[in-house]
Amino acid sequence: MSPDYPADLARLRAIALKLPETAERLSHGSPGFHIEKGKFFAYIWHNHHGDGETAVIVKTAGRDEQAMLIEHDPDFYYSPPYLGPSGWVAMRIGAADTDWDRVGERVAMSWELVAPRGLLEAGGR
């Protein structure tokens, strides 16, 4: 679990809000990032239901990609409750060695999965 959740939230906020037409709002008590008037593409959970984790949760292309990510690096990726069955994947953050470039790339990929075609055709991220 992150020893400095406010700093981790600020880092995620900076990553997510630089993407086009992105906004933030609470969803079920946790900060979530979505395309304005559109779908969510990232959440941050901190000790969600006492699980002892701080994680960024993002969409994947589906269960196959989710399974591949978790199999490749189970110390970093895991299937989050509620969203995991829909193919979302959680990334553990908060450690001193968190690779924020890696987190940022997955957040951007998740944004691309929910962005409307017109936004992608206009230049995307």
C-alpha atoms as a PDB file:
ATOM      1  CA  MET A   1       0.000   0.000   0.000  1.00  0.00           C
ATOM      2  CA  SER A   2       1.232   3.457  -0.835  1.00  0.00           C
ATOM      3  CA  PRO A   3       2.843   5.425   1.977  1.00  0.00           C
ATOM      4  CA  ASP A   4       1.954   8.662   0.109  1.00  0.00           C
ATOM      5  CA  TYR A   5      -1.419   8.241  -1.550  1.00  0.00           C
ATOM      6  CA  PRO A   6      -1.947  11.990  -2.175  1.00  0.00           C
ATOM      7  CA  ALA A   7       1.303  12.107  -4.187  1.00  0.00           C
ATOM      8  CA  ASP A   8       0.319   8.997  -6.164  1.00  0.00           C
ATOM      9  CA  LEU A   9      -3.118  10.457  -6.885  1.00  0.00           C
ATOM     10  CA  ALA A  10      -1.472  13.694  -8.053  1.00  0.00           C
ATOM     11  CA  ARG A  11       0.806  11.744 -10.413  1.00  0.00           C
ATOM     12  CA  LEU A  12      -2.092   9.783 -11.860  1.00  0.00           C
ATOM     13  CA  ARG A  13      -4.160  12.955 -12.171  1.00  0.00           C
ATOM     14  CA  ALA A  14      -1.334  14.615 -14.165  1.00  0.00           C
ATOM     15  CA  ILE A  15      -1.100  11.583 -16.477  1.00  0.00           C
ATOM     16  CA  ALA A  16      -4.837  11.216 -17.050  1.00  0.00           C
ATOM     17  CA  LEU A  17      -5.856  14.846 -17.349  1.00  0.00           C
ATOM     18  CA  LYS A  18      -3.297  15.580 -20.072  1.00  0.00           C
ATOM     19  CA  LEU A  19      -5.260  13.262 -22.384  1.00  0.00           C
ATOM     20  CA  PRO A  20      -7.789  15.044 -24.633  1.00  0.00           C
ATOM     21  CA  GLU A  21     -11.278  15.768 -23.309  1.00  0.00           C
ATOM     22  CA  THR A  22     -10.620  14.024 -19.998  1.00  0.00           C
ATOM     23  CA  ALA A  23     -12.307  14.812 -16.705  1.00  0.00           C
ATOM     24  CA  GLU A  24     -12.239  13.425 -13.182  1.00  0.00           C
ATOM     25  CA  ARG A  25     -15.077  12.503 -10.869  1.00  0.00           C
ATOM     26  CA  LEU A  26     -15.696  10.201  -7.944  1.00  0.00           C
ATOM     27  CA  SER A  27     -17.120   6.815  -8.761  1.00  0.00           C
ATOM     28  CA  HIS A  28     -18.189   4.624  -5.852  1.00  0.00           C
ATOM     29  CA  GLY A  29     -16.019   6.770  -3.561  1.00  0.00           C
ATOM     30  CA  SER A  30     -12.809   6.560  -5.605  1.00  0.00           C
ATOM     31  CA  PRO A  31     -11.366   9.023  -8.112  1.00  0.00           C
ATOM     32  CA  GLY A  32     -12.058   8.001 -11.678  1.00  0.00           C
ATOM     33  CA  PHE A  33     -11.033   9.467 -15.015  1.00  0.00           C
ATOM     34  CA  HIS A  34     -13.310   9.531 -18.027  1.00  0.00           C
ATOM     35  CA  ILE A  35     -13.701  11.148 -21.388  1.00  0.00           C
ATOM     36  CA  GLU A  36     -16.066  14.095 -20.941  1.00  0.00           C
ATOM     37  CA  LYS A  37     -19.628  12.935 -21.537  1.00  0.00           C
ATOM     38  CA  GLY A  38     -18.192   9.444 -22.017  1.00  0.00           C
ATOM     39  CA  LYS A  39     -16.825   6.306 -20.446  1.00  0.00           C
ATOM     40  CA  PHE A  40     -14.316   5.803 -17.649  1.00  0.00           C
ATOM     41  CA  PHE A  41     -10.838   4.636 -18.582  1.00  0.00           C
ATOM     42  CA  ALA A  42      -8.976   4.687 -15.242  1.00  0.00           C
ATOM     43  CA  TYR A  43      -9.554   4.575 -11.509  1.00  0.00           C
ATOM     44  CA  ILE A  44      -7.311   4.739  -8.483  1.00  0.00           C
ATOM     45  CA  TRP A  45      -8.090   2.646  -5.441  1.00  0.00           C
ATOM     46  CA  HIS A  46      -6.363   2.987  -2.079  1.00  0.00           C
ATOM     47  CA  ASN A  47      -6.929   0.182   0.426  1.00  0.00           C
ATOM     48  CA  HIS A  48     -10.196  -0.646  -1.343  1.00  0.00           C
ATOM     49  CA  HIS A  49     -12.322  -2.640   1.121  1.00  0.00           C
ATOM     50  CA  GLY A  50      -9.196  -3.105   3.264  1.00  0.00           C
ATOM     51  CA  ASP A  51      -7.228  -5.001   0.590  1.00  0.00           C
ATOM     52  CA  GLY A  52      -3.920  -3.303   1.509  1.00  0.00           C
ATOM     53  CA  GLU A  53      -3.263  -2.247  -2.106  1.00  0.00           C
ATOM     54  CA  THR A  54      -2.914   1.068  -3.885  1.00  0.00           C
ATOM     55  CA  ALA A  55      -3.678   0.491  -7.542  1.00  0.00           C
ATOM     56  CA  VAL A  56      -4.476   2.151 -10.830  1.00  0.00           C
ATOM     57  CA  ILE A  57      -7.171   0.220 -12.673  1.00  0.00           C
ATOM     58  CA  VAL A  58      -7.410   0.429 -16.468  1.00  0.00           C
ATOM     59  CA  LYS A  59      -9.280  -1.199 -19.332  1.00  0.00           C
ATOM     60  CA  THR A  60      -7.636  -3.827 -21.483  1.00  0.00           C
ATOM     61  CA  ALA A  61      -8.643  -5.099 -24.899  1.00  0.00           C
ATOM     62  CA  GLY A  62     -10.311  -8.017 -23.113  1.00  0.00           C
ATOM     63  CA  ARG A  63      -9.802 -11.016 -20.894  1.00  0.00           C
ATOM     64  CA  ASP A  64      -7.003 -12.457 -23.065  1.00  0.00           C
ATOM     65  CA  GLU A  65      -4.879  -9.324 -22.727  1.00  0.00           C
ATOM     66  CA  GLN A  66      -5.706  -9.080 -19.028  1.00  0.00           C
ATOM     67  CA  ALA A  67      -4.606 -12.701 -18.464  1.00  0.00           C
ATOM     68  CA  MET A  68      -1.395 -12.179 -20.456  1.00  0.00           C
ATOM     69  CA  LEU A  69      -0.450  -9.099 -18.423  1.00  0.00           C
ATOM     70  CA  ILE A  70      -1.095 -10.833 -15.105  1.00  0.00           C
ATOM     71  CA  GLU A  71       0.798 -13.948 -16.177  1.00  0.00           C
ATOM     72  CA  HIS A  72       3.741 -11.871 -17.420  1.00  0.00           C
ATOM     73  CA  ASP A  73       4.088  -9.787 -14.244  1.00  0.00           C
ATOM     74  CA  PRO A  74       1.877 -10.929 -11.337  1.00  0.00           C
ATOM     75  CA  ASP A  75       3.768  -8.738  -8.878  1.00  0.00           C
ATOM     76  CA  PHE A  76       2.587  -5.641 -10.769  1.00  0.00           C
ATOM     77  CA  TYR A  77      -0.739  -6.654 -12.367  1.00  0.00           C
ATOM     78  CA  TYR A  78      -3.780  -8.321 -10.839  1.00  0.00           C
ATOM     79  CA  SER A  79      -7.474  -8.752 -11.566  1.00  0.00           C
ATOM     80  CA  PRO A  80      -9.369  -6.184  -9.495  1.00  0.00           C
ATOM     81  CA  PRO A  81     -12.653  -7.031  -7.787  1.00  0.00           C
ATOM     82  CA  TYR A  82     -15.811  -5.981  -9.650  1.00  0.00           C
ATOM     83  CA  LEU A  83     -13.989  -4.745 -12.775  1.00  0.00           C
ATOM     84  CA  GLY A  84     -11.714  -7.729 -13.382  1.00  0.00           C
ATOM     85  CA  PRO A  85     -14.429  -9.956 -14.868  1.00  0.00           C
ATOM     86  CA  SER A  86     -14.942  -7.266 -17.534  1.00  0.00           C
ATOM     87  CA  GLY A  87     -11.261  -7.363 -18.528  1.00  0.00           C
ATOM     88  CA  TRP A  88      -9.939  -4.455 -16.470  1.00  0.00           C
ATOM     89  CA  VAL A  89      -6.510  -4.870 -14.886  1.00  0.00           C
ATOM     90  CA  ALA A  90      -5.037  -3.306 -11.743  1.00  0.00           C
ATOM     91  CA  MET A  91      -1.454  -2.062 -11.475  1.00  0.00           C
ATOM     92  CA  ARG A  92       0.106  -1.932  -8.021  1.00  0.00           C
ATOM     93  CA  ILE A  93       1.604   1.492  -7.349  1.00  0.00           C
ATOM     94  CA  GLY A  94       3.056   3.269  -4.357  1.00  0.00           C
ATOM     95  CA  ALA A  95       6.423   1.549  -4.151  1.00  0.00           C
ATOM     96  CA  ALA A  96       9.505   3.709  -4.473  1.00  0.00           C
ATOM     97  CA  ASP A  97      10.338   1.940  -7.732  1.00  0.00           C
ATOM     98  CA  THR A  98       6.927   2.371  -9.394  1.00  0.00           C
ATOM     99  CA  ASP A  99       7.488   2.768 -13.133  1.00  0.00           C
ATOM    100  CA  TRP A 100       5.234   5.748 -13.818  1.00  0.00           C
ATOM    101  CA  ASP A 101       6.072   5.686 -17.533  1.00  0.00           C
ATOM    102  CA  ARG A 102       4.661   2.158 -17.660  1.00  0.00           C
ATOM    103  CA  VAL A 103       1.561   3.254 -15.724  1.00  0.00           C
ATOM    104  CA  GLY A 104       1.154   6.249 -18.039  1.00  0.00           C
ATOM    105  CA  GLU A 105       1.345   4.107 -21.153  1.00  0.00           C
ATOM    106  CA  ARG A 106      -1.346   1.720 -19.862  1.00  0.00           C
ATOM    107  CA  VAL A 107      -3.564   4.675 -18.887  1.00  0.00           C
ATOM    108  CA  ALA A 108      -3.178   6.116 -22.399  1.00  0.00           C
ATOM    109  CA  MET A 109      -3.966   2.746 -23.976  1.00  0.00           C
ATOM    110  CA  SER A 110      -7.087   2.501 -21.816  1.00  0.00           C
ATOM    111  CA  TRP A 111      -8.118   6.011 -22.919  1.00  0.00           C
ATOM    112  CA  GLU A 112      -7.767   4.921 -26.552  1.00  0.00           C
ATOM    113  CA  LEU A 113     -10.067   1.951 -25.901  1.00  0.00           C
ATOM    114  CA  VAL A 114     -12.942   4.224 -24.802  1.00  0.00           C
ATOM    115  CA  ALA A 115     -12.304   7.312 -26.945  1.00  0.00           C
ATOM    116  CA  PRO A 116     -14.908   7.979 -29.604  1.00  0.00           C
ATOM    117  CA  ARG A 117     -13.784   7.465 -33.189  1.00  0.00           C
ATOM    118  CA  GLY A 118     -14.015  11.194 -33.947  1.00  0.00           C
ATOM    119  CA  LEU A 119     -11.643  12.043 -31.118  1.00  0.00           C
ATOM    120  CA  LEU A 120      -9.157   9.404 -32.243  1.00  0.00           C
ATOM    121  CA  GLU A 121      -9.377  10.588 -35.852  1.00  0.00           C
ATOM    122  CA  ALA A 122      -8.795  14.175 -34.709  1.00  0.00           C
ATOM    123  CA  GLY A 123      -5.373  13.182 -33.469  1.00  0.00           C
ATOM    124  CA  GLY A 124      -6.069  11.207 -30.313  1.00  0.00           C
ATOM    125  CA  ARG A 125      -3.414  11.480 -27.693  1.00  0.00           C
END
